[in-house]
Amino acid sequence: MLTIIFTIIGAVVAGIVYVIYRYATYMKEHQWDRHTVMVVVADLAVTMFLAGEIRSVITVNLVMVQMAVFLIYSGMRALYEYKKESYL
């Protein structure tokens, strides 16, 4: 029984590592430019400035808020690039 549990946990961890690796590779090849850097800096500044208000509305870690905002930005930008390529 213990072997099955470790196998399942290992498969899940391997899947998560694979997804993170593919995302990092995609970011490095297609999206890492000055626009992304500006969004990261602006997001950090807004989160730091509004930290108290964000914590009063939602009680999550601000690092998680940062990651969520960046993932939403990255997904929207990837969708925009995909739509732009499909119209060409």
PDB file of N, CA and C in Angstrom:
ATOM      1  N   MET A   1       0.821  -1.198   0.000  1.00  0.00           N
ATOM      2  CA  MET A   1       0.000   0.000   0.000  1.00  0.00           C
ATOM      3  C   MET A   1       0.864   1.260   0.000  1.00  0.00           C
ATOM      4  N   LEU A   2       1.937   1.222   0.772  1.00  0.00           N
ATOM      5  CA  LEU A   2       2.823   2.378   0.858  1.00  0.00           C
ATOM      6  C   LEU A   2       3.509   2.658  -0.477  1.00  0.00           C
ATOM      7  N   THR A   3       3.828   1.584  -1.206  1.00  0.00           N
ATOM      8  CA  THR A   3       4.461   1.740  -2.520  1.00  0.00           C
ATOM      9  C   THR A   3       3.518   2.433  -3.497  1.00  0.00           C
ATOM     10  N   ILE A   4       2.256   2.098  -3.431  1.00  0.00           N
ATOM     11  CA  ILE A   4       1.269   2.714  -4.322  1.00  0.00           C
ATOM     12  C   ILE A   4       1.135   4.201  -4.006  1.00  0.00           C
ATOM     13  N   ILE A   5       1.116   4.547  -2.739  1.00  0.00           N
ATOM     14  CA  ILE A   5       0.999   5.955  -2.339  1.00  0.00           C
ATOM     15  C   ILE A   5       2.215   6.742  -2.821  1.00  0.00           C
ATOM     16  N   PHE A   6       3.423   6.188  -2.611  1.00  0.00           N
ATOM     17  CA  PHE A   6       4.630   6.882  -3.064  1.00  0.00           C
ATOM     18  C   PHE A   6       4.677   6.997  -4.584  1.00  0.00           C
ATOM     19  N   THR A   7       4.181   5.991  -5.289  1.00  0.00           N
ATOM     20  CA  THR A   7       4.135   6.050  -6.747  1.00  0.00           C
ATOM     21  C   THR A   7       3.197   7.156  -7.222  1.00  0.00           C
ATOM     22  N   ILE A   8       2.044   7.253  -6.605  1.00  0.00           N
ATOM     23  CA  ILE A   8       1.080   8.288  -6.983  1.00  0.00           C
ATOM     24  C   ILE A   8       1.647   9.670  -6.674  1.00  0.00           C
ATOM     25  N   ILE A   9       2.214   9.836  -5.483  1.00  0.00           N
ATOM     26  CA  ILE A   9       2.800  11.129  -5.119  1.00  0.00           C
ATOM     27  C   ILE A   9       3.955  11.470  -6.047  1.00  0.00           C
ATOM     28  N   GLY A  10       4.793  10.487  -6.375  1.00  0.00           N
ATOM     29  CA  GLY A  10       5.909  10.713  -7.301  1.00  0.00           C
ATOM     30  C   GLY A  10       5.430  11.119  -8.682  1.00  0.00           C
ATOM     31  N   ALA A  11       4.358  10.491  -9.168  1.00  0.00           N
ATOM     32  CA  ALA A  11       3.819  10.845 -10.479  1.00  0.00           C
ATOM     33  C   ALA A  11       3.259  12.260 -10.481  1.00  0.00           C
ATOM     34  N   VAL A  12       2.583  12.625  -9.411  1.00  0.00           N
ATOM     35  CA  VAL A  12       2.030  13.983  -9.318  1.00  0.00           C
ATOM     36  C   VAL A  12       3.150  15.017  -9.264  1.00  0.00           C
ATOM     37  N   VAL A  13       4.175  14.766  -8.453  1.00  0.00           N
ATOM     38  CA  VAL A  13       5.308  15.692  -8.352  1.00  0.00           C
ATOM     39  C   VAL A  13       6.038  15.783  -9.681  1.00  0.00           C
ATOM     40  N   ALA A  14       6.237  14.645 -10.368  1.00  0.00           N
ATOM     41  CA  ALA A  14       6.896  14.661 -11.673  1.00  0.00           C
ATOM     42  C   ALA A  14       6.071  15.458 -12.684  1.00  0.00           C
ATOM     43  N   GLY A  15       4.755  15.335 -12.636  1.00  0.00           N
ATOM     44  CA  GLY A  15       3.893  16.111 -13.528  1.00  0.00           C
ATOM     45  C   GLY A  15       3.984  17.604 -13.251  1.00  0.00           C
ATOM     46  N   ILE A  16       4.004  17.976 -11.979  1.00  0.00           N
ATOM     47  CA  ILE A  16       4.118  19.385 -11.619  1.00  0.00           C
ATOM     48  C   ILE A  16       5.457  19.952 -12.077  1.00  0.00           C
ATOM     49  N   VAL A  17       6.524  19.205 -11.851  1.00  0.00           N
ATOM     50  CA  VAL A  17       7.858  19.648 -12.287  1.00  0.00           C
ATOM     51  C   VAL A  17       7.901  19.799 -13.803  1.00  0.00           C
ATOM     52  N   TYR A  18       7.285  18.870 -14.531  1.00  0.00           N
ATOM     53  CA  TYR A  18       7.268  18.946 -15.988  1.00  0.00           C
ATOM     54  C   TYR A  18       6.506  20.180 -16.464  1.00  0.00           C
ATOM     55  N   VAL A  19       5.360  20.464 -15.863  1.00  0.00           N
ATOM     56  CA  VAL A  19       4.568  21.632 -16.256  1.00  0.00           C
ATOM     57  C   VAL A  19       5.341  22.920 -15.971  1.00  0.00           C
ATOM     58  N   ILE A  20       5.991  22.999 -14.821  1.00  0.00           N
ATOM     59  CA  ILE A  20       6.779  24.189 -14.481  1.00  0.00           C
ATOM     60  C   ILE A  20       7.940  24.350 -15.457  1.00  0.00           C
ATOM     61  N   TYR A  21       8.601  23.253 -15.812  1.00  0.00           N
ATOM     62  CA  TYR A  21       9.706  23.316 -16.775  1.00  0.00           C
ATOM     63  C   TYR A  21       9.230  23.800 -18.145  1.00  0.00           C
ATOM     64  N   ARG A  22       8.107  23.257 -18.612  1.00  0.00           N
ATOM     65  CA  ARG A  22       7.580  23.682 -19.920  1.00  0.00           C
ATOM     66  C   ARG A  22       7.165  25.153 -19.901  1.00  0.00           C
ATOM     67  N   TYR A  23       6.562  25.602 -18.798  1.00  0.00           N
ATOM     68  CA  TYR A  23       6.156  26.992 -18.683  1.00  0.00           C
ATOM     69  C   TYR A  23       7.373  27.911 -18.673  1.00  0.00           C
ATOM     70  N   ALA A  24       8.408  27.534 -17.929  1.00  0.00           N
ATOM     71  CA  ALA A  24       9.625  28.348 -17.877  1.00  0.00           C
ATOM     72  C   ALA A  24      10.307  28.399 -19.238  1.00  0.00           C
ATOM     73  N   THR A  25      10.336  27.295 -19.950  1.00  0.00           N
ATOM     74  CA  THR A  25      10.920  27.272 -21.288  1.00  0.00           C
ATOM     75  C   THR A  25      10.131  28.160 -22.243  1.00  0.00           C
ATOM     76  N   TYR A  26       8.800  28.087 -22.174  1.00  0.00           N
ATOM     77  CA  TYR A  26       7.954  28.927 -23.025  1.00  0.00           C
ATOM     78  C   TYR A  26       8.172  30.408 -22.717  1.00  0.00           C
ATOM     79  N   MET A  27       8.213  30.735 -21.427  1.00  0.00           N
ATOM     80  CA  MET A  27       8.441  32.128 -21.037  1.00  0.00           C
ATOM     81  C   MET A  27       9.776  32.629 -21.563  1.00  0.00           C
ATOM     82  N   LYS A  28      10.817  31.837 -21.435  1.00  0.00           N
ATOM     83  CA  LYS A  28      12.146  32.250 -21.862  1.00  0.00           C
ATOM     84  C   LYS A  28      12.201  32.459 -23.369  1.00  0.00           C
ATOM     85  N   GLU A  29      11.528  31.605 -24.120  1.00  0.00           N
ATOM     86  CA  GLU A  29      11.586  31.685 -25.579  1.00  0.00           C
ATOM     87  C   GLU A  29      10.657  32.739 -26.169  1.00  0.00           C
ATOM     88  N   HIS A  30       9.489  32.943 -25.590  1.00  0.00           N
ATOM     89  CA  HIS A  30       8.468  33.750 -26.261  1.00  0.00           C
ATOM     90  C   HIS A  30       8.056  35.032 -25.548  1.00  0.00           C
ATOM     91  N   GLN A  31       8.167  35.092 -24.231  1.00  0.00           N
ATOM     92  CA  GLN A  31       7.566  36.227 -23.545  1.00  0.00           C
ATOM     93  C   GLN A  31       8.516  37.039 -22.692  1.00  0.00           C
ATOM     94  N   TRP A  32       9.741  36.621 -22.518  1.00  0.00           N
ATOM     95  CA  TRP A  32      10.609  37.360 -21.605  1.00  0.00           C
ATOM     96  C   TRP A  32      11.243  38.529 -22.345  1.00  0.00           C
ATOM     97  N   ASP A  33      10.631  39.702 -22.207  1.00  0.00           N
ATOM     98  CA  ASP A  33      11.132  40.913 -22.841  1.00  0.00           C
ATOM     99  C   ASP A  33      10.861  42.086 -21.903  1.00  0.00           C
ATOM    100  N   ARG A  34      11.043  43.290 -22.403  1.00  0.00           N
ATOM    101  CA  ARG A  34      10.903  44.454 -21.528  1.00  0.00           C
ATOM    102  C   ARG A  34       9.462  44.665 -21.063  1.00  0.00           C
ATOM    103  N   HIS A  35       8.488  44.253 -21.858  1.00  0.00           N
ATOM    104  CA  HIS A  35       7.095  44.400 -21.447  1.00  0.00           C
ATOM    105  C   HIS A  35       6.793  43.529 -20.225  1.00  0.00           C
ATOM    106  N   THR A  36       7.303  42.330 -20.227  1.00  0.00           N
ATOM    107  CA  THR A  36       7.099  41.442 -19.091  1.00  0.00           C
ATOM    108  C   THR A  36       7.781  41.997 -17.841  1.00  0.00           C
ATOM    109  N   VAL A  37       8.974  42.524 -18.003  1.00  0.00           N
ATOM    110  CA  VAL A  37       9.683  43.103 -16.862  1.00  0.00           C
ATOM    111  C   VAL A  37       8.903  44.293 -16.313  1.00  0.00           C
ATOM    112  N   MET A  38       8.370  45.136 -17.194  1.00  0.00           N
ATOM    113  CA  MET A  38       7.585  46.279 -16.735  1.00  0.00           C
ATOM    114  C   MET A  38       6.326  45.836 -15.994  1.00  0.00           C
ATOM    115  N   VAL A  39       5.681  44.782 -16.471  1.00  0.00           N
ATOM    116  CA  VAL A  39       4.475  44.285 -15.793  1.00  0.00           C
ATOM    117  C   VAL A  39       4.833  43.726 -14.424  1.00  0.00           C
ATOM    118  N   VAL A  40       5.936  42.991 -14.327  1.00  0.00           N
ATOM    119  CA  VAL A  40       6.345  42.435 -13.037  1.00  0.00           C
ATOM    120  C   VAL A  40       6.655  43.555 -12.045  1.00  0.00           C
ATOM    121  N   VAL A  41       7.377  44.575 -12.475  1.00  0.00           N
ATOM    122  CA  VAL A  41       7.727  45.683 -11.580  1.00  0.00           C
ATOM    123  C   VAL A  41       6.481  46.465 -11.171  1.00  0.00           C
ATOM    124  N   ALA A  42       5.587  46.722 -12.125  1.00  0.00           N
ATOM    125  CA  ALA A  42       4.353  47.444 -11.804  1.00  0.00           C
ATOM    126  C   ALA A  42       3.471  46.626 -10.865  1.00  0.00           C
ATOM    127  N   ASP A  43       3.379  45.346 -11.094  1.00  0.00           N
ATOM    128  CA  ASP A  43       2.591  44.472 -10.228  1.00  0.00           C
ATOM    129  C   ASP A  43       3.156  44.451  -8.807  1.00  0.00           C
ATOM    130  N   LEU A  44       4.459  44.384  -8.695  1.00  0.00           N
ATOM    131  CA  LEU A  44       5.094  44.412  -7.385  1.00  0.00           C
ATOM    132  C   LEU A  44       4.844  45.739  -6.673  1.00  0.00           C
ATOM    133  N   ALA A  45       4.941  46.842  -7.414  1.00  0.00           N
ATOM    134  CA  ALA A  45       4.714  48.154  -6.816  1.00  0.00           C
ATOM    135  C   ALA A  45       3.271  48.309  -6.337  1.00  0.00           C
ATOM    136  N   VAL A  46       2.319  47.895  -7.148  1.00  0.00           N
ATOM    137  CA  VAL A  46       0.909  48.003  -6.764  1.00  0.00           C
ATOM    138  C   VAL A  46       0.615  47.114  -5.560  1.00  0.00           C
ATOM    139  N   THR A  47       1.168  45.907  -5.564  1.00  0.00           N
ATOM    140  CA  THR A  47       0.926  45.006  -4.439  1.00  0.00           C
ATOM    141  C   THR A  47       1.535  45.555  -3.154  1.00  0.00           C
ATOM    142  N   MET A  48       2.716  46.123  -3.242  1.00  0.00           N
ATOM    143  CA  MET A  48       3.334  46.701  -2.046  1.00  0.00           C
ATOM    144  C   MET A  48       2.549  47.920  -1.555  1.00  0.00           C
ATOM    145  N   PHE A  49       2.087  48.753  -2.474  1.00  0.00           N
ATOM    146  CA  PHE A  49       1.356  49.963  -2.114  1.00  0.00           C
ATOM    147  C   PHE A  49      -0.001  49.634  -1.498  1.00  0.00           C
ATOM    148  N   LEU A  50      -0.649  48.612  -2.032  1.00  0.00           N
ATOM    149  CA  LEU A  50      -1.996  48.263  -1.578  1.00  0.00           C
ATOM    150  C   LEU A  50      -2.025  47.016  -0.696  1.00  0.00           C
ATOM    151  N   ALA A  51      -0.926  46.691  -0.041  1.00  0.00           N
ATOM    152  CA  ALA A  51      -0.838  45.453   0.742  1.00  0.00           C
ATOM    153  C   ALA A  51      -1.902  45.394   1.831  1.00  0.00           C
ATOM    154  N   GLY A  52      -2.103  46.477   2.543  1.00  0.00           N
ATOM    155  CA  GLY A  52      -3.099  46.487   3.615  1.00  0.00           C
ATOM    156  C   GLY A  52      -4.511  46.285   3.095  1.00  0.00           C
ATOM    157  N   GLU A  53      -4.834  46.958   2.017  1.00  0.00           N
ATOM    158  CA  GLU A  53      -6.175  46.823   1.450  1.00  0.00           C
ATOM    159  C   GLU A  53      -6.407  45.435   0.882  1.00  0.00           C
ATOM    160  N   ILE A  54      -5.383  44.863   0.245  1.00  0.00           N
ATOM    161  CA  ILE A  54      -5.520  43.512  -0.313  1.00  0.00           C
ATOM    162  C   ILE A  54      -5.733  42.512   0.816  1.00  0.00           C
ATOM    163  N   ARG A  55      -4.978  42.643   1.893  1.00  0.00           N
ATOM    164  CA  ARG A  55      -5.125  41.721   3.025  1.00  0.00           C
ATOM    165  C   ARG A  55      -6.480  41.862   3.700  1.00  0.00           C
ATOM    166  N   SER A  56      -7.050  43.067   3.705  1.00  0.00           N
ATOM    167  CA  SER A  56      -8.353  43.233   4.344  1.00  0.00           C
ATOM    168  C   SER A  56      -9.480  42.613   3.512  1.00  0.00           C
ATOM    169  N   VAL A  57      -9.280  42.518   2.201  1.00  0.00           N
ATOM    170  CA  VAL A  57     -10.312  41.949   1.338  1.00  0.00           C
ATOM    171  C   VAL A  57     -10.172  40.435   1.243  1.00  0.00           C
ATOM    172  N   ILE A  58      -8.961  39.965   0.948  1.00  0.00           N
ATOM    173  CA  ILE A  58      -8.718  38.525   0.859  1.00  0.00           C
ATOM    174  C   ILE A  58      -7.570  38.167   1.792  1.00  0.00           C
ATOM    175  N   THR A  59      -7.742  37.092   2.510  1.00  0.00           N
ATOM    176  CA  THR A  59      -6.745  36.713   3.501  1.00  0.00           C
ATOM    177  C   THR A  59      -5.813  35.635   2.953  1.00  0.00           C
ATOM    178  N   VAL A  60      -5.145  35.948   1.850  1.00  0.00           N
ATOM    179  CA  VAL A  60      -4.165  35.014   1.295  1.00  0.00           C
ATOM    180  C   VAL A  60      -2.801  35.675   1.336  1.00  0.00           C
ATOM    181  N   ASN A  61      -1.811  34.889   1.111  1.00  0.00           N
ATOM    182  CA  ASN A  61      -0.452  35.376   1.082  1.00  0.00           C
ATOM    183  C   ASN A  61      -0.276  36.302  -0.131  1.00  0.00           C
ATOM    184  N   LEU A  62       0.406  37.405   0.043  1.00  0.00           N
ATOM    185  CA  LEU A  62       0.597  38.345  -1.056  1.00  0.00           C
ATOM    186  C   LEU A  62       1.475  37.772  -2.164  1.00  0.00           C
ATOM    187  N   VAL A  63       2.343  36.831  -1.816  1.00  0.00           N
ATOM    188  CA  VAL A  63       3.149  36.171  -2.849  1.00  0.00           C
ATOM    189  C   VAL A  63       2.238  35.386  -3.792  1.00  0.00           C
ATOM    190  N   MET A  64       1.212  34.767  -3.246  1.00  0.00           N
ATOM    191  CA  MET A  64       0.253  34.043  -4.075  1.00  0.00           C
ATOM    192  C   MET A  64      -0.520  35.006  -4.985  1.00  0.00           C
ATOM    193  N   VAL A  65      -0.832  36.183  -4.470  1.00  0.00           N
ATOM    194  CA  VAL A  65      -1.494  37.195  -5.296  1.00  0.00           C
ATOM    195  C   VAL A  65      -0.582  37.599  -6.438  1.00  0.00           C
ATOM    196  N   GLN A  66       0.708  37.807  -6.138  1.00  0.00           N
ATOM    197  CA  GLN A  66       1.690  38.158  -7.170  1.00  0.00           C
ATOM    198  C   GLN A  66       1.737  37.093  -8.262  1.00  0.00           C
ATOM    199  N   MET A  67       1.835  35.836  -7.834  1.00  0.00           N
ATOM    200  CA  MET A  67       1.919  34.750  -8.804  1.00  0.00           C
ATOM    201  C   MET A  67       0.651  34.642  -9.633  1.00  0.00           C
ATOM    202  N   ALA A  68      -0.495  34.812  -9.006  1.00  0.00           N
ATOM    203  CA  ALA A  68      -1.756  34.722  -9.734  1.00  0.00           C
ATOM    204  C   ALA A  68      -1.864  35.828 -10.780  1.00  0.00           C
ATOM    205  N   VAL A  69      -1.495  37.046 -10.408  1.00  0.00           N
ATOM    206  CA  VAL A  69      -1.554  38.157 -11.363  1.00  0.00           C
ATOM    207  C   VAL A  69      -0.596  37.911 -12.525  1.00  0.00           C
ATOM    208  N   PHE A  70       0.606  37.426 -12.231  1.00  0.00           N
ATOM    209  CA  PHE A  70       1.566  37.174 -13.302  1.00  0.00           C
ATOM    210  C   PHE A  70       1.109  36.031 -14.205  1.00  0.00           C
ATOM    211  N   LEU A  71       0.526  34.988 -13.641  1.00  0.00           N
ATOM    212  CA  LEU A  71       0.037  33.891 -14.472  1.00  0.00           C
ATOM    213  C   LEU A  71      -1.129  34.335 -15.351  1.00  0.00           C
ATOM    214  N   ILE A  72      -1.986  35.188 -14.823  1.00  0.00           N
ATOM    215  CA  ILE A  72      -3.085  35.724 -15.635  1.00  0.00           C
ATOM    216  C   ILE A  72      -2.529  36.577 -16.767  1.00  0.00           C
ATOM    217  N   TYR A  73      -1.553  37.439 -16.464  1.00  0.00           N
ATOM    218  CA  TYR A  73      -0.917  38.249 -17.504  1.00  0.00           C
ATOM    219  C   TYR A  73      -0.286  37.363 -18.564  1.00  0.00           C
ATOM    220  N   SER A  74       0.447  36.361 -18.134  1.00  0.00           N
ATOM    221  CA  SER A  74       1.139  35.483 -19.068  1.00  0.00           C
ATOM    222  C   SER A  74       0.149  34.732 -19.956  1.00  0.00           C
ATOM    223  N   GLY A  75      -0.926  34.246 -19.361  1.00  0.00           N
ATOM    224  CA  GLY A  75      -1.942  33.547 -20.145  1.00  0.00           C
ATOM    225  C   GLY A  75      -2.638  34.450 -21.151  1.00  0.00           C
ATOM    226  N   MET A  76      -2.958  35.677 -20.720  1.00  0.00           N
ATOM    227  CA  MET A  76      -3.598  36.615 -21.645  1.00  0.00           C
ATOM    228  C   MET A  76      -2.660  36.992 -22.784  1.00  0.00           C
ATOM    229  N   ARG A  77      -1.387  37.164 -22.474  1.00  0.00           N
ATOM    230  CA  ARG A  77      -0.431  37.511 -23.523  1.00  0.00           C
ATOM    231  C   ARG A  77      -0.231  36.351 -24.496  1.00  0.00           C
ATOM    232  N   ALA A  78      -0.177  35.140 -23.987  1.00  0.00           N
ATOM    233  CA  ALA A  78      -0.042  33.974 -24.856  1.00  0.00           C
ATOM    234  C   ALA A  78      -1.265  33.833 -25.755  1.00  0.00           C
ATOM    235  N   LEU A  79      -2.456  34.062 -25.198  1.00  0.00           N
ATOM    236  CA  LEU A  79      -3.676  33.999 -25.997  1.00  0.00           C
ATOM    237  C   LEU A  79      -3.679  35.074 -27.078  1.00  0.00           C
ATOM    238  N   TYR A  80      -3.245  36.273 -26.727  1.00  0.00           N
ATOM    239  CA  TYR A  80      -3.160  37.358 -27.701  1.00  0.00           C
ATOM    240  C   TYR A  80      -2.188  37.013 -28.827  1.00  0.00           C
ATOM    241  N   GLU A  81      -1.026  36.481 -28.475  1.00  0.00           N
ATOM    242  CA  GLU A  81      -0.049  36.103 -29.498  1.00  0.00           C
ATOM    243  C   GLU A  81      -0.593  34.994 -30.387  1.00  0.00           C
ATOM    244  N   TYR A  82      -1.320  34.041 -29.799  1.00  0.00           N
ATOM    245  CA  TYR A  82      -1.893  32.954 -30.577  1.00  0.00           C
ATOM    246  C   TYR A  82      -2.941  33.486 -31.539  1.00  0.00           C
ATOM    247  N   LYS A  83      -3.804  34.372 -31.058  1.00  0.00           N
ATOM    248  CA  LYS A  83      -4.844  34.944 -31.923  1.00  0.00           C
ATOM    249  C   LYS A  83      -4.224  35.788 -33.041  1.00  0.00           C
ATOM    250  N   LYS A  84      -3.166  36.520 -32.703  1.00  0.00           N
ATOM    251  CA  LYS A  84      -2.494  37.347 -33.702  1.00  0.00           C
ATOM    252  C   LYS A  84      -1.878  36.491 -34.794  1.00  0.00           C
ATOM    253  N   GLU A  85      -1.268  35.359 -34.424  1.00  0.00           N
ATOM    254  CA  GLU A  85      -0.669  34.465 -35.414  1.00  0.00           C
ATOM    255  C   GLU A  85      -1.718  33.780 -36.255  1.00  0.00           C
ATOM    256  N   SER A  86      -2.877  33.478 -35.686  1.00  0.00           N
ATOM    257  CA  SER A  86      -3.902  32.759 -36.438  1.00  0.00           C
ATOM    258  C   SER A  86      -4.584  33.665 -37.473  1.00  0.00           C
ATOM    259  N   TYR A  87      -4.545  34.996 -37.242  1.00  0.00           N
ATOM    260  CA  TYR A  87      -5.141  35.913 -38.216  1.00  0.00           C
ATOM    261  C   TYR A  87      -4.208  36.231 -39.361  1.00  0.00           C
ATOM    262  N   LEU A  88      -2.926  35.930 -39.212  1.00  0.00           N
ATOM    263  CA  LEU A  88      -1.975  36.236 -40.285  1.00  0.00           C
ATOM    264  C   LEU A  88      -2.020  35.275 -41.406  1.00  0.00           C
TER     265      LEU A  88
END
